[in-house]
C-alpha atoms as a PDB file:
ATOM      1  CA  UNK A   1     -19.648 -52.810  33.090  1.00  0.00           C
ATOM      2  CA  UNK A   2     -19.967 -52.450  29.144  1.00  0.00           C
ATOM      3  CA  UNK A   3     -23.248 -50.213  29.628  1.00  0.00           C
ATOM      4  CA  UNK A   4     -21.299 -48.057  32.126  1.00  0.00           C
ATOM      5  CA  UNK A   5     -18.147 -48.018  29.772  1.00  0.00           C
ATOM      6  CA  UNK A   6     -21.164 -46.988  26.725  1.00  0.00           C
ATOM      7  CA  UNK A   7     -22.422 -44.509  29.009  1.00  0.00           C
ATOM      8  CA  UNK A   8     -18.888 -42.785  29.618  1.00  0.00           C
ATOM      9  CA  UNK A   9     -18.385 -42.807  25.926  1.00  0.00           C
ATOM     10  CA  UNK A  10     -21.257 -41.258  25.237  1.00  0.00           C
ATOM     11  CA  UNK A  11     -20.709 -38.868  27.896  1.00  0.00           C
ATOM     12  CA  UNK A  12     -17.685 -37.893  26.677  1.00  0.00           C
ATOM     13  CA  UNK A  13     -18.725 -37.411  23.254  1.00  0.00           C
ATOM     14  CA  UNK A  14     -21.263 -35.436  24.066  1.00  0.00           C
ATOM     15  CA  UNK A  15     -18.616 -32.850  25.950  1.00  0.00           C
ATOM     16  CA  UNK A  16     -16.450 -32.631  22.709  1.00  0.00           C
ATOM     17  CA  UNK A  17     -19.466 -32.126  20.770  1.00  0.00           C
ATOM     18  CA  UNK A  18     -20.321 -29.060  23.056  1.00  0.00           C
ATOM     19  CA  UNK A  19     -16.729 -27.828  22.703  1.00  0.00           C
ATOM     20  CA  UNK A  20     -16.456 -27.883  19.430  1.00  0.00           C
ATOM     21  CA  UNK A  21     -19.962 -25.778  19.275  1.00  0.00           C
ATOM     22  CA  UNK A  22     -18.329 -23.245  21.414  1.00  0.00           C
ATOM     23  CA  UNK A  23     -14.985 -22.818  19.781  1.00  0.00           C
ATOM     24  CA  UNK A  24     -16.011 -21.033  16.490  1.00  0.00           C
ATOM     25  CA  UNK A  25     -12.429 -20.022  14.748  1.00  0.00           C
ATOM     26  CA  UNK A  26     -14.522 -17.458  13.252  1.00  0.00           C
ATOM     27  CA  UNK A  27     -15.781 -16.318  16.212  1.00  0.00           C
ATOM     28  CA  UNK A  28     -12.921 -16.868  18.895  1.00  0.00           C
ATOM     29  CA  UNK A  29     -10.009 -15.984  16.555  1.00  0.00           C
ATOM     30  CA  UNK A  30      -8.682 -12.732  14.450  1.00  0.00           C
ATOM     31  CA  UNK A  31      -8.422 -13.670  10.943  1.00  0.00           C
ATOM     32  CA  UNK A  32      -4.628 -13.335   9.810  1.00  0.00           C
ATOM     33  CA  UNK A  33      -4.100 -11.100   6.809  1.00  0.00           C
ATOM     34  CA  UNK A  34      -0.564 -10.826   5.237  1.00  0.00           C
ATOM     35  CA  UNK A  35      -0.421  -7.328   3.540  1.00  0.00           C
ATOM     36  CA  UNK A  36       2.814  -6.319   1.450  1.00  0.00           C
ATOM     37  CA  UNK A  37       3.097  -2.370   2.603  1.00  0.00           C
ATOM     38  CA  UNK A  38       2.077  -0.058   4.812  1.00  0.00           C
ATOM     39  CA  UNK A  39      -1.049   1.708   3.164  1.00  0.00           C
ATOM     40  CA  UNK A  40      -2.481  -1.765   1.954  1.00  0.00           C
ATOM     41  CA  UNK A  41      -2.062  -2.438   5.502  1.00  0.00           C
ATOM     42  CA  UNK A  42      -4.158   0.233   7.202  1.00  0.00           C
ATOM     43  CA  UNK A  43      -7.034  -0.301   4.379  1.00  0.00           C
ATOM     44  CA  UNK A  44      -7.304  -3.854   5.803  1.00  0.00           C
ATOM     45  CA  UNK A  45      -7.312  -2.472   9.392  1.00  0.00           C
ATOM     46  CA  UNK A  46      -9.907   0.341   8.348  1.00  0.00           C
ATOM     47  CA  UNK A  47     -11.852  -2.603   7.158  1.00  0.00           C
ATOM     48  CA  UNK A  48     -11.541  -5.414   9.346  1.00  0.00           C
ATOM     49  CA  UNK A  49     -11.283  -4.046  12.589  1.00  0.00           C
ATOM     50  CA  UNK A  50     -11.346  -5.684  15.622  1.00  0.00           C
ATOM     51  CA  UNK A  51     -12.011  -9.150  13.405  1.00  0.00           C
ATOM     52  CA  UNK A  52      -8.795  -9.239  11.810  1.00  0.00           C
ATOM     53  CA  UNK A  53      -4.466  -9.427  13.015  1.00  0.00           C
ATOM     54  CA  UNK A  54      -2.574  -7.515  10.086  1.00  0.00           C
ATOM     55  CA  UNK A  55       1.013  -8.726   8.996  1.00  0.00           C
ATOM     56  CA  UNK A  56       2.853  -6.064   6.899  1.00  0.00           C
ATOM     57  CA  UNK A  57       5.604  -7.481   4.851  1.00  0.00           C
ATOM     58  CA  UNK A  58       7.793  -4.861   3.993  1.00  0.00           C
ATOM     59  CA  UNK A  59       9.004  -2.590   6.668  1.00  0.00           C
ATOM     60  CA  UNK A  60       8.855   1.373   7.179  1.00  0.00           C
ATOM     61  CA  UNK A  61      12.019   2.522   4.902  1.00  0.00           C
ATOM     62  CA  UNK A  62      12.459  -0.241   3.048  1.00  0.00           C
ATOM     63  CA  UNK A  63      12.596  -0.049  -0.832  1.00  0.00           C
ATOM     64  CA  UNK A  64       9.707  -2.672  -2.142  1.00  0.00           C
ATOM     65  CA  UNK A  65      11.383  -2.898  -5.410  1.00  0.00           C
ATOM     66  CA  UNK A  66      14.689  -4.524  -4.008  1.00  0.00           C
ATOM     67  CA  UNK A  67      12.932  -6.005  -0.998  1.00  0.00           C
ATOM     68  CA  UNK A  68      13.476  -9.690  -0.133  1.00  0.00           C
ATOM     69  CA  UNK A  69      11.571 -12.746   1.498  1.00  0.00           C
ATOM     70  CA  UNK A  70      13.573 -14.107   4.432  1.00  0.00           C
ATOM     71  CA  UNK A  71      12.531 -17.448   6.392  1.00  0.00           C
ATOM     72  CA  UNK A  72      11.682 -14.774   9.430  1.00  0.00           C
ATOM     73  CA  UNK A  73       9.096 -13.048   7.124  1.00  0.00           C
ATOM     74  CA  UNK A  74       7.963 -16.295   5.856  1.00  0.00           C
ATOM     75  CA  UNK A  75       7.474 -17.495   9.259  1.00  0.00           C
ATOM     76  CA  UNK A  76       5.457 -14.491  10.532  1.00  0.00           C
ATOM     77  CA  UNK A  77       2.937 -15.159   7.579  1.00  0.00           C
ATOM     78  CA  UNK A  78       2.857 -18.531   8.006  1.00  0.00           C
ATOM     79  CA  UNK A  79      -0.627 -18.230   9.365  1.00  0.00           C
ATOM     80  CA  UNK A  80      -2.681 -15.970   6.944  1.00  0.00           C
ATOM     81  CA  UNK A  81      -5.357 -16.516   5.342  1.00  0.00           C
ATOM     82  CA  UNK A  82      -5.364 -14.197   2.646  1.00  0.00           C
ATOM     83  CA  UNK A  83      -2.508 -12.320   0.964  1.00  0.00           C
ATOM     84  CA  UNK A  84      -3.350  -8.830  -0.370  1.00  0.00           C
ATOM     85  CA  UNK A  85      -0.992  -7.450  -2.732  1.00  0.00           C
ATOM     86  CA  UNK A  86      -0.618  -3.899  -4.793  1.00  0.00           C
ATOM     87  CA  UNK A  87      -0.392  -6.124  -7.902  1.00  0.00           C
ATOM     88  CA  UNK A  88       1.310  -4.399 -11.183  1.00  0.00           C
ATOM     89  CA  UNK A  89       4.847  -6.069 -10.986  1.00  0.00           C
ATOM     90  CA  UNK A  90       5.848  -4.304  -7.093  1.00  0.00           C
ATOM     91  CA  UNK A  91       5.920  -7.899  -5.294  1.00  0.00           C
ATOM     92  CA  UNK A  92       7.931  -9.482  -7.686  1.00  0.00           C
ATOM     93  CA  UNK A  93       8.381 -11.814  -4.551  1.00  0.00           C
ATOM     94  CA  UNK A  94       5.160 -12.525  -4.399  1.00  0.00           C
ATOM     95  CA  UNK A  95       4.966 -16.290  -6.065  1.00  0.00           C
ATOM     96  CA  UNK A  96       7.563 -17.160  -3.605  1.00  0.00           C
ATOM     97  CA  UNK A  97       5.787 -16.233  -0.611  1.00  0.00           C
ATOM     98  CA  UNK A  98       2.622 -17.440  -1.639  1.00  0.00           C
ATOM     99  CA  UNK A  99       3.915 -20.666  -2.361  1.00  0.00           C
ATOM    100  CA  UNK A 100       4.788 -21.322   1.129  1.00  0.00           C
ATOM    101  CA  UNK A 101       1.316 -19.867   2.214  1.00  0.00           C
ATOM    102  CA  UNK A 102      -0.991 -21.970   0.544  1.00  0.00           C
ATOM    103  CA  UNK A 103      -3.468 -23.831   2.076  1.00  0.00           C
ATOM    104  CA  UNK A 104      -7.113 -24.260   1.605  1.00  0.00           C
ATOM    105  CA  UNK A 105      -9.217 -21.678   1.220  1.00  0.00           C
ATOM    106  CA  UNK A 106      -6.162 -19.512   0.887  1.00  0.00           C
ATOM    107  CA  UNK A 107      -6.860 -16.057  -1.285  1.00  0.00           C
ATOM    108  CA  UNK A 108      -4.420 -14.234  -2.706  1.00  0.00           C
ATOM    109  CA  UNK A 109      -5.991 -10.590  -3.841  1.00  0.00           C
ATOM    110  CA  UNK A 110      -4.447  -7.998  -6.280  1.00  0.00           C
ATOM    111  CA  UNK A 111      -5.728  -5.062  -5.270  1.00  0.00           C
ATOM    112  CA  UNK A 112      -5.280  -2.834  -8.261  1.00  0.00           C
ATOM    113  CA  UNK A 113      -7.189  -5.009 -10.758  1.00  0.00           C
ATOM    114  CA  UNK A 114      -9.668  -2.595 -12.831  1.00  0.00           C
ATOM    115  CA  UNK A 115      -7.382   0.919 -12.066  1.00  0.00           C
ATOM    116  CA  UNK A 116      -6.457   2.377 -15.527  1.00  0.00           C
ATOM    117  CA  UNK A 117      -2.537   1.617 -15.397  1.00  0.00           C
ATOM    118  CA  UNK A 118       0.158   4.056 -16.309  1.00  0.00           C
ATOM    119  CA  UNK A 119       2.852   2.905 -18.321  1.00  0.00           C
ATOM    120  CA  UNK A 120       6.438   2.981 -17.010  1.00  0.00           C
ATOM    121  CA  UNK A 121       9.623   1.973 -19.267  1.00  0.00           C
ATOM    122  CA  UNK A 122      10.946   0.413 -16.592  1.00  0.00           C
ATOM    123  CA  UNK A 123       8.294  -2.192 -15.513  1.00  0.00           C
ATOM    124  CA  UNK A 124       6.927  -4.393 -17.598  1.00  0.00           C
ATOM    125  CA  UNK A 125       3.313  -4.027 -16.070  1.00  0.00           C
ATOM    126  CA  UNK A 126       3.281  -0.477 -15.983  1.00  0.00           C
ATOM    127  CA  UNK A 127       3.677   2.109 -12.781  1.00  0.00           C
ATOM    128  CA  UNK A 128       2.565   0.268  -9.580  1.00  0.00           C
ATOM    129  CA  UNK A 129       2.058   3.386  -7.420  1.00  0.00           C
ATOM    130  CA  UNK A 130      -1.865   3.222  -7.356  1.00  0.00           C
ATOM    131  CA  UNK A 131      -2.173   3.707  -3.733  1.00  0.00           C
ATOM    132  CA  UNK A 132      -1.225   7.546  -4.237  1.00  0.00           C
ATOM    133  CA  UNK A 133      -4.290   8.236  -5.806  1.00  0.00           C
ATOM    134  CA  UNK A 134      -7.106   8.619  -3.333  1.00  0.00           C
ATOM    135  CA  UNK A 135      -9.666   7.792  -5.630  1.00  0.00           C
ATOM    136  CA  UNK A 136      -7.290   4.920  -6.909  1.00  0.00           C
ATOM    137  CA  UNK A 137      -7.014   3.868  -3.539  1.00  0.00           C
ATOM    138  CA  UNK A 138     -10.821   3.451  -3.446  1.00  0.00           C
ATOM    139  CA  UNK A 139     -10.679   0.558  -6.165  1.00  0.00           C
ATOM    140  CA  UNK A 140      -8.305  -1.243  -3.522  1.00  0.00           C
ATOM    141  CA  UNK A 141      -9.924  -0.723  -0.063  1.00  0.00           C
ATOM    142  CA  UNK A 142     -13.468  -2.380  -2.010  1.00  0.00           C
ATOM    143  CA  UNK A 143     -11.042  -5.320  -3.559  1.00  0.00           C
ATOM    144  CA  UNK A 144      -9.624  -6.240   0.185  1.00  0.00           C
ATOM    145  CA  UNK A 145     -13.512  -5.845   1.482  1.00  0.00           C
ATOM    146  CA  UNK A 146     -14.729  -8.357  -0.740  1.00  0.00           C
ATOM    147  CA  UNK A 147     -12.362 -10.797   0.082  1.00  0.00           C
ATOM    148  CA  UNK A 148     -12.628 -10.114   3.945  1.00  0.00           C
ATOM    149  CA  UNK A 149     -16.196 -10.920   3.443  1.00  0.00           C
ATOM    150  CA  UNK A 150     -15.404 -14.189   1.118  1.00  0.00           C
ATOM    151  CA  UNK A 151     -13.323 -15.537   3.481  1.00  0.00           C
ATOM    152  CA  UNK A 152     -15.074 -14.420   6.922  1.00  0.00           C
ATOM    153  CA  UNK A 153     -18.691 -14.598   6.022  1.00  0.00           C
ATOM    154  CA  UNK A 154     -19.921 -14.389   9.699  1.00  0.00           C
ATOM    155  CA  UNK A 155     -18.370 -10.800  10.110  1.00  0.00           C
ATOM    156  CA  UNK A 156     -19.096  -9.396   6.126  1.00  0.00           C
ATOM    157  CA  UNK A 157     -21.753  -6.959   7.612  1.00  0.00           C
ATOM    158  CA  UNK A 158     -19.011  -5.727   9.756  1.00  0.00           C
ATOM    159  CA  UNK A 159     -16.803  -5.642   6.912  1.00  0.00           C
ATOM    160  CA  UNK A 160     -19.140  -3.423   4.636  1.00  0.00           C
ATOM    161  CA  UNK A 161     -20.145  -1.187   7.378  1.00  0.00           C
ATOM    162  CA  UNK A 162     -16.476   0.006   8.116  1.00  0.00           C
ATOM    163  CA  UNK A 163     -15.979  -0.078   4.157  1.00  0.00           C
ATOM    164  CA  UNK A 164     -19.016   2.010   3.648  1.00  0.00           C
ATOM    165  CA  UNK A 165     -16.895   4.328   6.508  1.00  0.00           C
ATOM    166  CA  UNK A 166     -13.382   4.514   4.745  1.00  0.00           C
ATOM    167  CA  UNK A 167     -14.853   5.068   1.289  1.00  0.00           C
ATOM    168  CA  UNK A 168     -16.142   8.810   2.272  1.00  0.00           C
ATOM    169  CA  UNK A 169     -13.255   9.248   4.306  1.00  0.00           C
ATOM    170  CA  UNK A 170     -11.184   8.926   1.133  1.00  0.00           C
ATOM    171  CA  UNK A 171     -14.118  11.110  -0.807  1.00  0.00           C
ATOM    172  CA  UNK A 172     -13.384  13.414   1.907  1.00  0.00           C
ATOM    173  CA  UNK A 173      -9.761  13.139   1.149  1.00  0.00           C
ATOM    174  CA  UNK A 174      -9.998  13.474  -2.218  1.00  0.00           C
ATOM    175  CA  UNK A 175     -11.888  16.783  -2.305  1.00  0.00           C
ATOM    176  CA  UNK A 176      -9.477  18.333  -0.075  1.00  0.00           C
ATOM    177  CA  UNK A 177      -6.251  17.244  -1.912  1.00  0.00           C
ATOM    178  CA  UNK A 178      -8.509  18.508  -5.549  1.00  0.00           C
ATOM    179  CA  UNK A 179      -9.128  22.071  -3.359  1.00  0.00           C
ATOM    180  CA  UNK A 180      -5.284  22.726  -2.090  1.00  0.00           C
ATOM    181  CA  UNK A 181      -3.462  21.590  -5.202  1.00  0.00           C
ATOM    182  CA  UNK A 182      -5.839  24.152  -7.065  1.00  0.00           C
ATOM    183  CA  UNK A 183      -4.669  26.917  -5.053  1.00  0.00           C
ATOM    184  CA  UNK A 184      -0.513  26.011  -6.084  1.00  0.00           C
ATOM    185  CA  UNK A 185       0.886  28.752  -8.634  1.00  0.00           C
ATOM    186  CA  UNK A 186       3.642  25.990  -9.672  1.00  0.00           C
ATOM    187  CA  UNK A 187       2.309  22.518 -11.250  1.00  0.00           C
ATOM    188  CA  UNK A 188       5.362  21.087 -12.535  1.00  0.00           C
ATOM    189  CA  UNK A 189       8.052  19.123 -10.658  1.00  0.00           C
ATOM    190  CA  UNK A 190      10.732  16.754 -11.112  1.00  0.00           C
ATOM    191  CA  UNK A 191      10.887  13.634  -9.054  1.00  0.00           C
ATOM    192  CA  UNK A 192      13.915  11.098  -8.248  1.00  0.00           C
ATOM    193  CA  UNK A 193      11.440   7.673  -8.890  1.00  0.00           C
ATOM    194  CA  UNK A 194       8.114   8.033 -10.623  1.00  0.00           C
ATOM    195  CA  UNK A 195       5.931   7.249  -7.615  1.00  0.00           C
ATOM    196  CA  UNK A 196       3.467  10.083  -8.070  1.00  0.00           C
ATOM    197  CA  UNK A 197       2.201   9.756 -11.349  1.00  0.00           C
ATOM    198  CA  UNK A 198      -1.308   8.397 -10.769  1.00  0.00           C
ATOM    199  CA  UNK A 199      -1.689  11.526  -8.323  1.00  0.00           C
ATOM    200  CA  UNK A 200      -0.567  14.191 -10.832  1.00  0.00           C
ATOM    201  CA  UNK A 201      -2.910  12.937 -13.416  1.00  0.00           C
ATOM    202  CA  UNK A 202      -5.695  13.014 -11.041  1.00  0.00           C
ATOM    203  CA  UNK A 203      -4.945  16.706  -9.635  1.00  0.00           C
ATOM    204  CA  UNK A 204      -3.359  17.842 -13.030  1.00  0.00           C
ATOM    205  CA  UNK A 205       0.202  18.310 -11.958  1.00  0.00           C
ATOM    206  CA  UNK A 206       3.400  17.650 -14.573  1.00  0.00           C
ATOM    207  CA  UNK A 207       5.618  15.232 -13.706  1.00  0.00           C
ATOM    208  CA  UNK A 208       8.084  17.332 -15.920  1.00  0.00           C
ATOM    209  CA  UNK A 209      11.201  14.651 -15.325  1.00  0.00           C
ATOM    210  CA  UNK A 210      12.376  11.736 -13.817  1.00  0.00           C
ATOM    211  CA  UNK A 211      16.177  11.617 -12.104  1.00  0.00           C
ATOM    212  CA  UNK A 212      16.284   7.819 -11.787  1.00  0.00           C
ATOM    213  CA  UNK A 213      14.640   6.033 -14.174  1.00  0.00           C
ATOM    214  CA  UNK A 214      15.466   2.796 -13.405  1.00  0.00           C
ATOM    215  CA  UNK A 215      16.502   1.565  -9.448  1.00  0.00           C
ATOM    216  CA  UNK A 216      19.950   1.814  -8.854  1.00  0.00           C
ATOM    217  CA  UNK A 217      21.273   3.708 -12.133  1.00  0.00           C
ATOM    218  CA  UNK A 218      22.046   6.979 -11.686  1.00  0.00           C
ATOM    219  CA  UNK A 219      21.666   9.839 -14.540  1.00  0.00           C
ATOM    220  CA  UNK A 220      24.800  10.370 -16.305  1.00  0.00           C
ATOM    221  CA  UNK A 221      26.272  13.636 -16.711  1.00  0.00           C
ATOM    222  CA  UNK A 222      24.467  14.001 -19.820  1.00  0.00           C
ATOM    223  CA  UNK A 223      21.218  13.531 -18.728  1.00  0.00           C
ATOM    224  CA  UNK A 224      21.746  15.493 -15.602  1.00  0.00           C
ATOM    225  CA  UNK A 225      21.899  18.495 -17.992  1.00  0.00           C
ATOM    226  CA  UNK A 226      18.750  17.858 -19.189  1.00  0.00           C
ATOM    227  CA  UNK A 227      17.351  17.900 -16.174  1.00  0.00           C
ATOM    228  CA  UNK A 228      18.585  20.986 -15.310  1.00  0.00           C
ATOM    229  CA  UNK A 229      17.802  22.340 -18.492  1.00  0.00           C
ATOM    230  CA  UNK A 230      14.183  21.376 -18.551  1.00  0.00           C
ATOM    231  CA  UNK A 231      13.782  22.371 -14.954  1.00  0.00           C
ATOM    232  CA  UNK A 232      15.035  25.971 -15.588  1.00  0.00           C
ATOM    233  CA  UNK A 233      12.898  26.468 -18.599  1.00  0.00           C
ATOM    234  CA  UNK A 234       9.550  25.321 -16.580  1.00  0.00           C
ATOM    235  CA  UNK A 235      10.833  27.081 -13.654  1.00  0.00           C
ATOM    236  CA  UNK A 236      10.170  23.710 -11.622  1.00  0.00           C
ATOM    237  CA  UNK A 237      10.706  24.906  -7.940  1.00  0.00           C
ATOM    238  CA  UNK A 238      10.385  21.383  -6.614  1.00  0.00           C
ATOM    239  CA  UNK A 239      12.105  18.178  -6.736  1.00  0.00           C
ATOM    240  CA  UNK A 240      10.214  15.237  -4.840  1.00  0.00           C
ATOM    241  CA  UNK A 241      13.212  13.052  -3.104  1.00  0.00           C
ATOM    242  CA  UNK A 242      11.740   9.631  -1.235  1.00  0.00           C
ATOM    243  CA  UNK A 243      13.121   8.193   2.527  1.00  0.00           C
ATOM    244  CA  UNK A 244      13.262   5.052   0.239  1.00  0.00           C
ATOM    245  CA  UNK A 245      15.844   6.363  -2.251  1.00  0.00           C
ATOM    246  CA  UNK A 246      19.794   8.494  -2.104  1.00  0.00           C
ATOM    247  CA  UNK A 247      18.760  12.117  -1.484  1.00  0.00           C
ATOM    248  CA  UNK A 248      22.390  13.356  -2.958  1.00  0.00           C
ATOM    249  CA  UNK A 249      22.114  13.930  -6.462  1.00  0.00           C
ATOM    250  CA  UNK A 250      18.279  15.104  -6.193  1.00  0.00           C
ATOM    251  CA  UNK A 251      19.976  18.598  -3.951  1.00  0.00           C
ATOM    252  CA  UNK A 252      22.736  18.664  -6.914  1.00  0.00           C
ATOM    253  CA  UNK A 253      20.291  19.132  -9.324  1.00  0.00           C
ATOM    254  CA  UNK A 254      17.838  21.446  -7.109  1.00  0.00           C
ATOM    255  CA  UNK A 255      21.202  23.425  -6.283  1.00  0.00           C
ATOM    256  CA  UNK A 256      21.918  24.001 -10.017  1.00  0.00           C
ATOM    257  CA  UNK A 257      17.879  24.879 -11.275  1.00  0.00           C
ATOM    258  CA  UNK A 258      17.656  27.233  -8.298  1.00  0.00           C
ATOM    259  CA  UNK A 259      14.774  24.446  -6.631  1.00  0.00           C
ATOM    260  CA  UNK A 260      13.942  22.800  -3.563  1.00  0.00           C
ATOM    261  CA  UNK A 261      14.415  19.303  -2.866  1.00  0.00           C
ATOM    262  CA  UNK A 262      10.934  18.161  -0.910  1.00  0.00           C
ATOM    263  CA  UNK A 263      11.267  14.925   1.305  1.00  0.00           C
ATOM    264  CA  UNK A 264       8.575  12.479   0.476  1.00  0.00           C
ATOM    265  CA  UNK A 265       7.507   9.620   1.817  1.00  0.00           C
ATOM    266  CA  UNK A 266       5.072   7.364  -0.803  1.00  0.00           C
ATOM    267  CA  UNK A 267       4.663   4.244   1.812  1.00  0.00           C
ATOM    268  CA  UNK A 268       5.084   5.320   5.537  1.00  0.00           C
ATOM    269  CA  UNK A 269       5.916   3.277   8.463  1.00  0.00           C
ATOM    270  CA  UNK A 270       3.182   0.684   9.467  1.00  0.00           C
ATOM    271  CA  UNK A 271       2.612   0.690  13.199  1.00  0.00           C
ATOM    272  CA  UNK A 272       0.411   1.895  16.353  1.00  0.00           C
ATOM    273  CA  UNK A 273      -1.378   5.161  14.753  1.00  0.00           C
ATOM    274  CA  UNK A 274      -0.431   4.917  10.970  1.00  0.00           C
ATOM    275  CA  UNK A 275      -2.591   6.271   8.474  1.00  0.00           C
ATOM    276  CA  UNK A 276      -2.687   6.390   5.118  1.00  0.00           C
ATOM    277  CA  UNK A 277      -4.819   9.490   5.439  1.00  0.00           C
ATOM    278  CA  UNK A 278      -2.582  11.203   7.487  1.00  0.00           C
ATOM    279  CA  UNK A 279       0.283  10.092   5.613  1.00  0.00           C
ATOM    280  CA  UNK A 280      -1.025  11.662   1.874  1.00  0.00           C
ATOM    281  CA  UNK A 281      -1.788  15.023   3.824  1.00  0.00           C
ATOM    282  CA  UNK A 282       1.691  15.079   5.260  1.00  0.00           C
ATOM    283  CA  UNK A 283       3.038  14.513   1.939  1.00  0.00           C
ATOM    284  CA  UNK A 284       0.732  17.027   0.119  1.00  0.00           C
ATOM    285  CA  UNK A 285       2.131  19.613   2.941  1.00  0.00           C
ATOM    286  CA  UNK A 286       5.702  19.148   1.775  1.00  0.00           C
ATOM    287  CA  UNK A 287       4.932  19.669  -1.514  1.00  0.00           C
ATOM    288  CA  UNK A 288       2.809  22.804  -1.207  1.00  0.00           C
ATOM    289  CA  UNK A 289       5.987  24.420   0.806  1.00  0.00           C
ATOM    290  CA  UNK A 290       7.274  24.494  -2.617  1.00  0.00           C
ATOM    291  CA  UNK A 291       4.277  24.632  -5.032  1.00  0.00           C
ATOM    292  CA  UNK A 292       2.679  27.928  -3.623  1.00  0.00           C
END
């Protein structure tokens, strides 16, 4: 009887060992990656492909500067092994979320590291909108790729291959954008919120004025008059508004200055079919309607 019991234990041990060998978490399960904003989510999907499951934290239409972490968001991100952030203070809530996700091997990647940061009097760490420059976005793509390769080396070859393909697509976007912007007669614009500084620096545009220098603080009558005067003096024809912010003030200034309000979207709406490249191309088409 004792011998039979010993054999049963050995057989069960072999079965468990075989099952364990067949169930590799890297082979059978997708890597869950929590990502702050839609453009970074697209970068992550482009790199990770079929091997990643991306959870986007800030929903489309929300203002990341005023976003609040909820228990529902924490629950959705609970299985994440990687937290992808823009950095430069955009995700002021990052520490709160990261503290709930920490586990052995957990990785936090701030994708803007290594990018020359533009000053912003409203943000102590600088202007955070680096992803709107497709050349700077390549640095963010590489940072995400390195994080995925580190935490999931089994699929690193696929990640590197996908990264190379996507970097080439961003090179093409940069060339296309430069050719388009070079054809514009108007090079100055006024914006509601200073989201497009990196884009402007890359392609030779000038941000002549900012309507709302601090989120939530509308310009006073004197500041409004100054913006209108600048627009008239420079012949500015475009005021860049954003879907994440109110548009009424932009329309008032445009009416006084003889300019056109252009509704831009720096973040996009993550979901099936969302594409950072298509988002930027759409924004550029919108700009061109007033800049040519």
